[in-house]
PDB file of N, CA and C in Angstrom:
ATOM      1  N   MET A   1      59.149  60.431 248.317  1.00  0.00           N
ATOM      2  CA  MET A   1      59.932  59.385 247.680  1.00  0.00           C
ATOM      3  C   MET A   1      59.058  58.489 246.805  1.00  0.00           C
ATOM      4  N   LEU A   2      57.826  58.235 247.227  1.00  0.00           N
ATOM      5  CA  LEU A   2      56.931  57.392 246.447  1.00  0.00           C
ATOM      6  C   LEU A   2      56.634  58.020 245.089  1.00  0.00           C
ATOM      7  N   ARG A   3      56.421  59.344 245.070  1.00  0.00           N
ATOM      8  CA  ARG A   3      56.164  60.028 243.791  1.00  0.00           C
ATOM      9  C   ARG A   3      57.343  59.869 242.838  1.00  0.00           C
ATOM     10  N   GLU A   4      58.552  59.964 243.385  1.00  0.00           N
ATOM     11  CA  GLU A   4      59.749  59.830 242.546  1.00  0.00           C
ATOM     12  C   GLU A   4      59.827  58.421 241.958  1.00  0.00           C
ATOM     13  N   LYS A   5      59.532  57.414 242.762  1.00  0.00           N
ATOM     14  CA  LYS A   5      59.537  56.029 242.267  1.00  0.00           C
ATOM     15  C   LYS A   5      58.482  55.826 241.194  1.00  0.00           C
ATOM     16  N   GLN A   6      57.303  56.402 241.389  1.00  0.00           N
ATOM     17  CA  GLN A   6      56.247  56.284 240.383  1.00  0.00           C
ATOM     18  C   GLN A   6      56.666  56.958 239.081  1.00  0.00           C
ATOM     19  N   LYS A   7      57.326  58.089 239.195  1.00  0.00           N
ATOM     20  CA  LYS A   7      57.796  58.787 237.993  1.00  0.00           C
ATOM     21  C   LYS A   7      58.822  57.931 237.252  1.00  0.00           C
ATOM     22  N   ILE A   8      59.739  57.330 237.985  1.00  0.00           N
ATOM     23  CA  ILE A   8      60.736  56.451 237.361  1.00  0.00           C
ATOM     24  C   ILE A   8      60.045  55.293 236.648  1.00  0.00           C
ATOM     25  N   ILE A   9      59.042  54.705 237.269  1.00  0.00           N
ATOM     26  CA  ILE A   9      58.313  53.597 236.647  1.00  0.00           C
ATOM     27  C   ILE A   9      57.642  54.041 235.358  1.00  0.00           C
ATOM     28  N   HIS A  10      57.002  55.207 235.357  1.00  0.00           N
ATOM     29  CA  HIS A  10      56.348  55.712 234.147  1.00  0.00           C
ATOM     30  C   HIS A  10      57.370  55.975 233.039  1.00  0.00           C
ATOM     31  N   ILE A  11      58.495  56.548 233.406  1.00  0.00           N
ATOM     32  CA  ILE A  11      59.529  56.848 232.410  1.00  0.00           C
ATOM     33  C   ILE A  11      60.121  55.558 231.864  1.00  0.00           C
ATOM     34  N   LEU A  12      60.374  54.584 232.728  1.00  0.00           N
ATOM     35  CA  LEU A  12      60.877  53.293 232.258  1.00  0.00           C
ATOM     36  C   LEU A  12      59.878  52.626 231.322  1.00  0.00           C
ATOM     37  N   ASP A  13      58.592  52.750 231.623  1.00  0.00           N
ATOM     38  CA  ASP A  13      57.550  52.185 230.764  1.00  0.00           C
ATOM     39  C   ASP A  13      57.645  52.766 229.356  1.00  0.00           C
ATOM     40  N   GLU A  14      57.794  54.076 229.288  1.00  0.00           N
ATOM     41  CA  GLU A  14      57.890  54.732 227.977  1.00  0.00           C
ATOM     42  C   GLU A  14      59.181  54.356 227.255  1.00  0.00           C
ATOM     43  N   LEU A  15      60.299  54.346 227.975  1.00  0.00           N
ATOM     44  CA  LEU A  15      61.580  53.986 227.358  1.00  0.00           C
ATOM     45  C   LEU A  15      61.555  52.548 226.840  1.00  0.00           C
ATOM     46  N   LEU A  16      61.011  51.637 227.629  1.00  0.00           N
ATOM     47  CA  LEU A  16      60.959  50.233 227.197  1.00  0.00           C
ATOM     48  C   LEU A  16      60.006  50.045 226.028  1.00  0.00           C
ATOM     49  N   SER A  17      58.898  50.756 226.014  1.00  0.00           N
ATOM     50  CA  SER A  17      57.986  50.686 224.867  1.00  0.00           C
ATOM     51  C   SER A  17      58.707  51.112 223.595  1.00  0.00           C
ATOM     52  N   TYR A  18      59.506  52.178 223.701  1.00  0.00           N
ATOM     53  CA  TYR A  18      60.285  52.646 222.555  1.00  0.00           C
ATOM     54  C   TYR A  18      61.329  51.599 222.144  1.00  0.00           C
ATOM     55  N   ALA A  19      62.065  51.062 223.117  1.00  0.00           N
ATOM     56  CA  ALA A  19      63.147  50.122 222.820  1.00  0.00           C
ATOM     57  C   ALA A  19      62.623  48.822 222.225  1.00  0.00           C
ATOM     58  N   LEU A  20      61.497  48.342 222.685  1.00  0.00           N
ATOM     59  CA  LEU A  20      60.986  47.045 222.245  1.00  0.00           C
ATOM     60  C   LEU A  20      60.398  47.061 220.838  1.00  0.00           C
ATOM     61  N   ARG A  21      60.276  48.224 220.251  1.00  0.00           N
ATOM     62  CA  ARG A  21      59.711  48.311 218.895  1.00  0.00           C
ATOM     63  C   ARG A  21      60.555  47.567 217.868  1.00  0.00           C
ATOM     64  N   VAL A  22      61.850  47.389 218.135  1.00  0.00           N
ATOM     65  CA  VAL A  22      62.748  46.735 217.175  1.00  0.00           C
ATOM     66  C   VAL A  22      63.155  45.333 217.618  1.00  0.00           C
ATOM     67  N   HIS A  23      62.493  44.793 218.637  1.00  0.00           N
ATOM     68  CA  HIS A  23      62.774  43.448 219.144  1.00  0.00           C
ATOM     69  C   HIS A  23      64.264  43.243 219.446  1.00  0.00           C
ATOM     70  N   PRO A  24      64.816  44.049 220.340  1.00  0.00           N
ATOM     71  CA  PRO A  24      66.244  43.940 220.647  1.00  0.00           C
ATOM     72  C   PRO A  24      66.558  42.651 221.407  1.00  0.00           C
ATOM     73  N   GLN A  25      67.779  42.193 221.251  1.00  0.00           N
ATOM     74  CA  GLN A  25      68.226  41.028 222.001  1.00  0.00           C
ATOM     75  C   GLN A  25      68.790  41.419 223.355  1.00  0.00           C
ATOM     76  N   LEU A  26      69.174  42.681 223.492  1.00  0.00           N
ATOM     77  CA  LEU A  26      69.728  43.158 224.755  1.00  0.00           C
ATOM     78  C   LEU A  26      69.379  44.633 224.928  1.00  0.00           C
ATOM     79  N   VAL A  27      68.872  44.975 226.095  1.00  0.00           N
ATOM     80  CA  VAL A  27      68.621  46.368 226.471  1.00  0.00           C
ATOM     81  C   VAL A  27      69.188  46.544 227.871  1.00  0.00           C
ATOM     82  N   THR A  28      69.996  47.575 228.056  1.00  0.00           N
ATOM     83  CA  THR A  28      70.568  47.864 229.359  1.00  0.00           C
ATOM     84  C   THR A  28      70.009  49.188 229.855  1.00  0.00           C
ATOM     85  N   ILE A  29      69.579  49.204 231.105  1.00  0.00           N
ATOM     86  CA  ILE A  29      69.040  50.428 231.702  1.00  0.00           C
ATOM     87  C   ILE A  29      69.853  50.749 232.947  1.00  0.00           C
ATOM     88  N   LYS A  30      70.253  52.021 233.046  1.00  0.00           N
ATOM     89  CA  LYS A  30      71.005  52.484 234.203  1.00  0.00           C
ATOM     90  C   LYS A  30      70.241  53.651 234.821  1.00  0.00           C
ATOM     91  N   ILE A  31      69.993  53.577 236.134  1.00  0.00           N
ATOM     92  CA  ILE A  31      69.322  54.650 236.864  1.00  0.00           C
ATOM     93  C   ILE A  31      70.326  55.201 237.873  1.00  0.00           C
ATOM     94  N   GLU A  32      70.549  56.520 237.804  1.00  0.00           N
ATOM     95  CA  GLU A  32      71.534  57.152 238.685  1.00  0.00           C
ATOM     96  C   GLU A  32      70.948  58.383 239.365  1.00  0.00           C
ATOM     97  N   GLN A  33      71.387  58.625 240.575  1.00  0.00           N
ATOM     98  CA  GLN A  33      71.087  59.861 241.292  1.00  0.00           C
ATOM     99  C   GLN A  33      72.379  60.671 241.279  1.00  0.00           C
ATOM    100  N   ARG A  34      72.373  61.846 240.606  1.00  0.00           N
ATOM    101  CA  ARG A  34      73.577  62.666 240.502  1.00  0.00           C
ATOM    102  C   ARG A  34      73.237  64.127 240.760  1.00  0.00           C
ATOM    103  N   GLU A  35      73.922  64.719 241.709  1.00  0.00           N
ATOM    104  CA  GLU A  35      73.833  66.164 241.943  1.00  0.00           C
ATOM    105  C   GLU A  35      72.402  66.684 241.918  1.00  0.00           C
ATOM    106  N   GLY A  36      71.505  66.022 242.645  1.00  0.00           N
ATOM    107  CA  GLY A  36      70.125  66.476 242.735  1.00  0.00           C
ATOM    108  C   GLY A  36      69.271  66.142 241.529  1.00  0.00           C
ATOM    109  N   GLN A  37      69.789  65.344 240.626  1.00  0.00           N
ATOM    110  CA  GLN A  37      69.034  64.939 239.446  1.00  0.00           C
ATOM    111  C   GLN A  37      68.956  63.422 239.373  1.00  0.00           C
ATOM    112  N   VAL A  38      67.899  62.943 238.732  1.00  0.00           N
ATOM    113  CA  VAL A  38      67.773  61.529 238.410  1.00  0.00           C
ATOM    114  C   VAL A  38      68.095  61.389 236.927  1.00  0.00           C
ATOM    115  N   HIS A  39      68.985  60.451 236.604  1.00  0.00           N
ATOM    116  CA  HIS A  39      69.361  60.175 235.219  1.00  0.00           C
ATOM    117  C   HIS A  39      69.014  58.727 234.906  1.00  0.00           C
ATOM    118  N   ILE A  40      68.368  58.529 233.776  1.00  0.00           N
ATOM    119  CA  ILE A  40      68.099  57.173 233.289  1.00  0.00           C
ATOM    120  C   ILE A  40      68.700  57.066 231.899  1.00  0.00           C
ATOM    121  N   THR A  41      69.495  56.030 231.691  1.00  0.00           N
ATOM    122  CA  THR A  41      70.111  55.787 230.382  1.00  0.00           C
ATOM    123  C   THR A  41      69.732  54.396 229.916  1.00  0.00           C
ATOM    124  N   LEU A  42      69.236  54.322 228.706  1.00  0.00           N
ATOM    125  CA  LEU A  42      68.883  53.059 228.065  1.00  0.00           C
ATOM    126  C   LEU A  42      69.852  52.850 226.911  1.00  0.00           C
ATOM    127  N   THR A  43      70.470  51.683 226.842  1.00  0.00           N
ATOM    128  CA  THR A  43      71.419  51.371 225.785  1.00  0.00           C
ATOM    129  C   THR A  43      70.956  50.137 225.035  1.00  0.00           C
ATOM    130  N   GLU A  44      70.989  50.225 223.710  1.00  0.00           N
ATOM    131  CA  GLU A  44      70.648  49.118 222.823  1.00  0.00           C
ATOM    132  C   GLU A  44      71.826  48.859 221.887  1.00  0.00           C
ATOM    133  N   PRO A  45      72.549  47.769 222.092  1.00  0.00           N
ATOM    134  CA  PRO A  45      73.585  47.437 221.110  1.00  0.00           C
ATOM    135  C   PRO A  45      72.928  46.878 219.846  1.00  0.00           C
ATOM    136  N   SER A  46      73.644  46.874 218.790  1.00  0.00           N
ATOM    137  CA  SER A  46      73.201  46.360 217.480  1.00  0.00           C
ATOM    138  C   SER A  46      72.030  47.136 216.902  1.00  0.00           C
ATOM    139  N   LEU A  47      72.008  48.433 217.120  1.00  0.00           N
ATOM    140  CA  LEU A  47      71.000  49.294 216.512  1.00  0.00           C
ATOM    141  C   LEU A  47      71.703  50.526 215.976  1.00  0.00           C
ATOM    142  N   ASN A  48      71.395  50.901 214.755  1.00  0.00           N
ATOM    143  CA  ASN A  48      71.955  52.109 214.148  1.00  0.00           C
ATOM    144  C   ASN A  48      70.837  53.075 213.832  1.00  0.00           C
ATOM    145  N   LEU A  49      71.029  54.326 214.165  1.00  0.00           N
ATOM    146  CA  LEU A  49      70.114  55.391 213.788  1.00  0.00           C
ATOM    147  C   LEU A  49      70.891  56.429 213.002  1.00  0.00           C
ATOM    148  N   SER A  50      70.235  57.034 212.039  1.00  0.00           N
ATOM    149  CA  SER A  50      70.879  58.088 211.258  1.00  0.00           C
ATOM    150  C   SER A  50      70.962  59.364 212.093  1.00  0.00           C
ATOM    151  N   ALA A  51      71.794  60.287 211.643  1.00  0.00           N
ATOM    152  CA  ALA A  51      71.917  61.578 212.331  1.00  0.00           C
ATOM    153  C   ALA A  51      70.571  62.293 212.339  1.00  0.00           C
ATOM    154  N   ARG A  52      69.820  62.182 211.273  1.00  0.00           N
ATOM    155  CA  ARG A  52      68.491  62.817 211.187  1.00  0.00           C
ATOM    156  C   ARG A  52      67.529  62.209 212.209  1.00  0.00           C
ATOM    157  N   GLU A  53      67.523  60.874 212.337  1.00  0.00           N
ATOM    158  CA  GLU A  53      66.670  60.215 213.328  1.00  0.00           C
ATOM    159  C   GLU A  53      67.046  60.648 214.742  1.00  0.00           C
ATOM    160  N   CYS A  54      68.334  60.745 215.017  1.00  0.00           N
ATOM    161  CA  CYS A  54      68.793  61.186 216.343  1.00  0.00           C
ATOM    162  C   CYS A  54      68.352  62.616 216.633  1.00  0.00           C
ATOM    163  N   GLN A  55      68.428  63.495 215.632  1.00  0.00           N
ATOM    164  CA  GLN A  55      67.998  64.886 215.818  1.00  0.00           C
ATOM    165  C   GLN A  55      66.505  64.952 216.134  1.00  0.00           C
ATOM    166  N   GLU A  56      65.702  64.171 215.435  1.00  0.00           N
ATOM    167  CA  GLU A  56      64.257  64.164 215.667  1.00  0.00           C
ATOM    168  C   GLU A  56      63.940  63.640 217.072  1.00  0.00           C
ATOM    169  N   ILE A  57      64.590  62.573 217.470  1.00  0.00           N
ATOM    170  CA  ILE A  57      64.362  62.011 218.803  1.00  0.00           C
ATOM    171  C   ILE A  57      64.796  63.002 219.875  1.00  0.00           C
ATOM    172  N   GLU A  58      65.935  63.629 219.686  1.00  0.00           N
ATOM    173  CA  GLU A  58      66.408  64.597 220.675  1.00  0.00           C
ATOM    174  C   GLU A  58      65.452  65.787 220.769  1.00  0.00           C
ATOM    175  N   ARG A  59      64.890  66.200 219.647  1.00  0.00           N
ATOM    176  CA  ARG A  59      63.894  67.286 219.663  1.00  0.00           C
ATOM    177  C   ARG A  59      62.681  66.869 220.496  1.00  0.00           C
ATOM    178  N   LEU A  60      62.228  65.623 220.332  1.00  0.00           N
ATOM    179  CA  LEU A  60      61.080  65.133 221.096  1.00  0.00           C
ATOM    180  C   LEU A  60      61.406  65.019 222.583  1.00  0.00           C
ATOM    181  N   LEU A  61      62.619  64.585 222.903  1.00  0.00           N
ATOM    182  CA  LEU A  61      63.017  64.437 224.306  1.00  0.00           C
ATOM    183  C   LEU A  61      63.158  65.776 225.016  1.00  0.00           C
ATOM    184  N   ASN A  62      63.357  66.834 224.261  1.00  0.00           N
ATOM    185  CA  ASN A  62      63.548  68.159 224.844  1.00  0.00           C
ATOM    186  C   ASN A  62      62.356  69.073 224.572  1.00  0.00           C
ATOM    187  N   THR A  63      61.176  68.469 224.505  1.00  0.00           N
ATOM    188  CA  THR A  63      59.936  69.211 224.334  1.00  0.00           C
ATOM    189  C   THR A  63      59.703  70.094 225.549  1.00  0.00           C
ATOM    190  N   PRO A  64      59.380  71.372 225.346  1.00  0.00           N
ATOM    191  CA  PRO A  64      59.078  72.203 226.519  1.00  0.00           C
ATOM    192  C   PRO A  64      57.905  71.608 227.295  1.00  0.00           C
ATOM    193  N   SER A  65      58.022  71.582 228.609  1.00  0.00           N
ATOM    194  CA  SER A  65      56.961  70.977 229.421  1.00  0.00           C
ATOM    195  C   SER A  65      56.489  71.935 230.485  1.00  0.00           C
ATOM    196  N   ARG A  66      55.324  71.596 231.048  1.00  0.00           N
ATOM    197  CA  ARG A  66      54.771  72.356 232.159  1.00  0.00           C
ATOM    198  C   ARG A  66      54.704  71.423 233.354  1.00  0.00           C
ATOM    199  N   ASN A  67      55.294  71.832 234.461  1.00  0.00           N
ATOM    200  CA  ASN A  67      55.364  70.986 235.648  1.00  0.00           C
ATOM    201  C   ASN A  67      54.010  70.467 236.095  1.00  0.00           C
ATOM    202  N   GLU A  68      52.978  71.294 236.001  1.00  0.00           N
ATOM    203  CA  GLU A  68      51.669  70.872 236.481  1.00  0.00           C
ATOM    204  C   GLU A  68      51.050  69.766 235.622  1.00  0.00           C
ATOM    205  N   MET A  69      51.590  69.526 234.439  1.00  0.00           N
ATOM    206  CA  MET A  69      51.047  68.499 233.541  1.00  0.00           C
ATOM    207  C   MET A  69      51.858  67.205 233.564  1.00  0.00           C
ATOM    208  N   ARG A  70      52.961  67.154 234.293  1.00  0.00           N
ATOM    209  CA  ARG A  70      53.838  65.982 234.264  1.00  0.00           C
ATOM    210  C   ARG A  70      53.144  64.716 234.743  1.00  0.00           C
ATOM    211  N   GLU A  71      52.302  64.799 235.756  1.00  0.00           N
ATOM    212  CA  GLU A  71      51.591  63.605 236.227  1.00  0.00           C
ATOM    213  C   GLU A  71      50.644  63.083 235.160  1.00  0.00           C
ATOM    214  N   TYR A  72      49.967  63.992 234.471  1.00  0.00           N
ATOM    215  CA  TYR A  72      49.061  63.593 233.395  1.00  0.00           C
ATOM    216  C   TYR A  72      49.818  62.840 232.313  1.00  0.00           C
ATOM    217  N   TYR A  73      50.940  63.393 231.886  1.00  0.00           N
ATOM    218  CA  TYR A  73      51.735  62.728 230.853  1.00  0.00           C
ATOM    219  C   TYR A  73      52.275  61.395 231.351  1.00  0.00           C
ATOM    220  N   GLY A  74      52.606  61.311 232.634  1.00  0.00           N
ATOM    221  CA  GLY A  74      53.061  60.055 233.221  1.00  0.00           C
ATOM    222  C   GLY A  74      52.023  58.966 233.087  1.00  0.00           C
ATOM    223  N   GLY A  75      50.744  59.323 233.202  1.00  0.00           N
ATOM    224  CA  GLY A  75      49.666  58.353 233.038  1.00  0.00           C
ATOM    225  C   GLY A  75      49.526  57.862 231.609  1.00  0.00           C
ATOM    226  N   LEU A  76      50.019  58.628 230.654  1.00  0.00           N
ATOM    227  CA  LEU A  76      49.957  58.233 229.246  1.00  0.00           C
ATOM    228  C   LEU A  76      51.161  57.408 228.811  1.00  0.00           C
ATOM    229  N   ALA A  77      52.191  57.348 229.639  1.00  0.00           N
ATOM    230  CA  ALA A  77      53.439  56.668 229.270  1.00  0.00           C
ATOM    231  C   ALA A  77      53.182  55.228 228.857  1.00  0.00           C
ATOM    232  N   GLY A  78      53.785  54.840 227.746  1.00  0.00           N
ATOM    233  CA  GLY A  78      53.681  53.475 227.260  1.00  0.00           C
ATOM    234  C   GLY A  78      52.408  53.181 226.491  1.00  0.00           C
ATOM    235  N   GLU A  79      51.511  54.169 226.353  1.00  0.00           N
ATOM    236  CA  GLU A  79      50.216  53.934 225.723  1.00  0.00           C
ATOM    237  C   GLU A  79      50.184  54.249 224.231  1.00  0.00           C
ATOM    238  N   GLU A  80      51.196  54.943 223.724  1.00  0.00           N
ATOM    239  CA  GLU A  80      51.179  55.332 222.318  1.00  0.00           C
ATOM    240  C   GLU A  80      51.780  54.252 221.434  1.00  0.00           C
ATOM    241  N   THR A  81      51.840  54.537 220.158  1.00  0.00           N
ATOM    242  CA  THR A  81      52.432  53.609 219.210  1.00  0.00           C
ATOM    243  C   THR A  81      53.915  53.451 219.478  1.00  0.00           C
ATOM    244  N   LEU A  82      54.489  52.370 218.979  1.00  0.00           N
ATOM    245  CA  LEU A  82      55.897  52.075 219.234  1.00  0.00           C
ATOM    246  C   LEU A  82      56.790  52.675 218.159  1.00  0.00           C
ATOM    247  N   ASP A  83      56.724  53.969 217.986  1.00  0.00           N
ATOM    248  CA  ASP A  83      57.640  54.639 217.061  1.00  0.00           C
ATOM    249  C   ASP A  83      58.270  55.830 217.780  1.00  0.00           C
ATOM    250  N   PRO A  84      59.290  56.419 217.187  1.00  0.00           N
ATOM    251  CA  PRO A  84      59.992  57.502 217.874  1.00  0.00           C
ATOM    252  C   PRO A  84      59.102  58.673 218.301  1.00  0.00           C
ATOM    253  N   ARG A  85      58.003  58.924 217.582  1.00  0.00           N
ATOM    254  CA  ARG A  85      57.131  60.042 217.959  1.00  0.00           C
ATOM    255  C   ARG A  85      56.515  59.843 219.329  1.00  0.00           C
ATOM    256  N   SER A  86      56.435  58.585 219.795  1.00  0.00           N
ATOM    257  CA  SER A  86      55.876  58.342 221.127  1.00  0.00           C
ATOM    258  C   SER A  86      56.761  58.933 222.215  1.00  0.00           C
ATOM    259  N   LEU A  87      57.981  59.272 221.892  1.00  0.00           N
ATOM    260  CA  LEU A  87      58.892  59.853 222.881  1.00  0.00           C
ATOM    261  C   LEU A  87      58.513  61.290 223.250  1.00  0.00           C
ATOM    262  N   ARG A  88      57.568  61.886 222.546  1.00  0.00           N
ATOM    263  CA  ARG A  88      57.157  63.246 222.911  1.00  0.00           C
ATOM    264  C   ARG A  88      56.537  63.264 224.303  1.00  0.00           C
ATOM    265  N   ILE A  89      55.845  62.194 224.691  1.00  0.00           N
ATOM    266  CA  ILE A  89      55.287  62.123 226.046  1.00  0.00           C
ATOM    267  C   ILE A  89      56.423  62.091 227.058  1.00  0.00           C
ATOM    268  N   LEU A  90      57.434  61.307 226.769  1.00  0.00           N
ATOM    269  CA  LEU A  90      58.590  61.244 227.654  1.00  0.00           C
ATOM    270  C   LEU A  90      59.222  62.624 227.789  1.00  0.00           C
ATOM    271  N   GLY A  91      59.350  63.344 226.681  1.00  0.00           N
ATOM    272  CA  GLY A  91      59.934  64.676 226.708  1.00  0.00           C
ATOM    273  C   GLY A  91      59.172  65.648 227.584  1.00  0.00           C
ATOM    274  N   MET A  92      57.876  65.428 227.744  1.00  0.00           N
ATOM    275  CA  MET A  92      57.069  66.301 228.586  1.00  0.00           C
ATOM    276  C   MET A  92      57.165  65.933 230.065  1.00  0.00           C
ATOM    277  N   MET A  93      57.774  64.776 230.366  1.00  0.00           N
ATOM    278  CA  MET A  93      57.894  64.315 231.748  1.00  0.00           C
ATOM    279  C   MET A  93      59.264  64.616 232.350  1.00  0.00           C
ATOM    280  N   VAL A  94      60.239  64.956 231.522  1.00  0.00           N
ATOM    281  CA  VAL A  94      61.617  65.126 231.984  1.00  0.00           C
ATOM    282  C   VAL A  94      62.115  66.544 231.710  1.00  0.00           C
ATOM    283  N   ASP A  95      63.264  66.871 232.283  1.00  0.00           N
ATOM    284  CA  ASP A  95      63.864  68.189 232.051  1.00  0.00           C
ATOM    285  C   ASP A  95      64.737  68.216 230.806  1.00  0.00           C
ATOM    286  N   GLY A  96      65.220  67.066 230.375  1.00  0.00           N
ATOM    287  CA  GLY A  96      66.066  67.027 229.186  1.00  0.00           C
ATOM    288  C   GLY A  96      66.372  65.614 228.765  1.00  0.00           C
ATOM    289  N   GLY A  97      66.874  65.498 227.545  1.00  0.00           N
ATOM    290  CA  GLY A  97      67.229  64.189 227.024  1.00  0.00           C
ATOM    291  C   GLY A  97      68.281  64.298 225.946  1.00  0.00           C
ATOM    292  N   HIS A  98      68.947  63.181 225.710  1.00  0.00           N
ATOM    293  CA  HIS A  98      70.021  63.125 224.710  1.00  0.00           C
ATOM    294  C   HIS A  98      70.046  61.723 224.124  1.00  0.00           C
ATOM    295  N   ILE A  99      70.314  61.616 222.830  1.00  0.00           N
ATOM    296  CA  ILE A  99      70.474  60.317 222.188  1.00  0.00           C
ATOM    297  C   ILE A  99      71.748  60.340 221.369  1.00  0.00           C
ATOM    298  N   GLU A 100      72.427  59.216 221.379  1.00  0.00           N
ATOM    299  CA  GLU A 100      73.675  59.088 220.634  1.00  0.00           C
ATOM    300  C   GLU A 100      73.688  57.729 219.960  1.00  0.00           C
ATOM    301  N   SER A 101      74.063  57.708 218.684  1.00  0.00           N
ATOM    302  CA  SER A 101      74.181  56.467 217.934  1.00  0.00           C
ATOM    303  C   SER A 101      75.587  56.395 217.364  1.00  0.00           C
ATOM    304  N   ARG A 102      76.323  55.361 217.788  1.00  0.00           N
ATOM    305  CA  ARG A 102      77.680  55.202 217.258  1.00  0.00           C
ATOM    306  C   ARG A 102      78.057  53.722 217.289  1.00  0.00           C
ATOM    307  N   GLU A 103      78.752  53.317 216.259  1.00  0.00           N
ATOM    308  CA  GLU A 103      79.273  51.953 216.154  1.00  0.00           C
ATOM    309  C   GLU A 103      78.205  50.901 216.454  1.00  0.00           C
ATOM    310  N   GLY A 104      77.016  51.085 215.895  1.00  0.00           N
ATOM    311  CA  GLY A 104      75.971  50.093 216.043  1.00  0.00           C
ATOM    312  C   GLY A 104      75.333  50.030 217.414  1.00  0.00           C
ATOM    313  N   GLU A 105      75.459  51.094 218.211  1.00  0.00           N
ATOM    314  CA  GLU A 105      74.854  51.123 219.542  1.00  0.00           C
ATOM    315  C   GLU A 105      74.158  52.456 219.752  1.00  0.00           C
ATOM    316  N   VAL A 106      72.959  52.390 220.308  1.00  0.00           N
ATOM    317  CA  VAL A 106      72.209  53.603 220.621  1.00  0.00           C
ATOM    318  C   VAL A 106      72.133  53.751 222.130  1.00  0.00           C
ATOM    319  N   SER A 107      72.395  54.964 222.599  1.00  0.00           N
ATOM    320  CA  SER A 107      72.306  55.280 224.017  1.00  0.00           C
ATOM    321  C   SER A 107      71.372  56.480 224.155  1.00  0.00           C
ATOM    322  N   LEU A 108      70.292  56.300 224.896  1.00  0.00           N
ATOM    323  CA  LEU A 108      69.299  57.338 225.086  1.00  0.00           C
ATOM    324  C   LEU A 108      69.253  57.675 226.575  1.00  0.00           C
ATOM    325  N   SER A 109      69.429  58.954 226.911  1.00  0.00           N
ATOM    326  CA  SER A 109      69.456  59.401 228.309  1.00  0.00           C
ATOM    327  C   SER A 109      68.405  60.474 228.540  1.00  0.00           C
ATOM    328  N   VAL A 110      67.778  60.427 229.703  1.00  0.00           N
ATOM    329  CA  VAL A 110      66.864  61.476 230.146  1.00  0.00           C
ATOM    330  C   VAL A 110      67.213  61.827 231.587  1.00  0.00           C
ATOM    331  N   TRP A 111      66.837  63.049 231.993  1.00  0.00           N
ATOM    332  CA  TRP A 111      67.109  63.482 233.357  1.00  0.00           C
ATOM    333  C   TRP A 111      66.083  64.504 233.791  1.00  0.00           C
ATOM    334  N   TRP A 112      65.970  64.629 235.128  1.00  0.00           N
ATOM    335  CA  TRP A 112      65.086  65.613 235.732  1.00  0.00           C
ATOM    336  C   TRP A 112      65.543  65.889 237.161  1.00  0.00           C
ATOM    337  N   GLU A 113      65.089  67.018 237.689  1.00  0.00           N
ATOM    338  CA  GLU A 113      65.421  67.396 239.062  1.00  0.00           C
ATOM    339  C   GLU A 113      64.703  66.454 240.026  1.00  0.00           C
ATOM    340  N   ALA A 114      65.449  65.892 240.954  1.00  0.00           N
ATOM    341  CA  ALA A 114      64.856  64.989 241.946  1.00  0.00           C
ATOM    342  C   ALA A 114      63.982  65.783 242.905  1.00  0.00           C
ATOM    343  N   GLU A 115      62.936  65.116 243.393  1.00  0.00           N
ATOM    344  CA  GLU A 115      62.031  65.775 244.354  1.00  0.00           C
ATOM    345  C   GLU A 115      62.602  65.720 245.743  1.00  0.00           C
TER     346      GLU A 115
END
C-alpha cells in the first residue's frame, strides 16, 4: 500500500507541475479506485487547448512504458520544464491517459493497475 501511495504522490507532482504552468485560479483533482485500477483526473476550468495540443498531450500520456523503469520515472516527476512535453514522464508511469478540452475546460485523466 505504501508503494501505491508513493506512486500517487509522484503522479500528482507531475500533474500539478503541468497544471501550474498557466497560473490557474482553480484546479480540481479526483482520485478514484475503480475495478482494480487507480484513476486520477485533473480539471482546469477557463483553459482552452486546440485539438492538435490535445493529440500531442494524449500521445505523451500513452507513451509505451516498461514496468521495471516506473520507479525511476517516478523519481523524475515534477523535475522537468513546465510545458506539455514534461508529461512524457507521466506517460511512462501510467498505463494510459486521456485529455479533453471543451467549453473552456480541460480534463486530464491517467490510470494504472492497482498493486
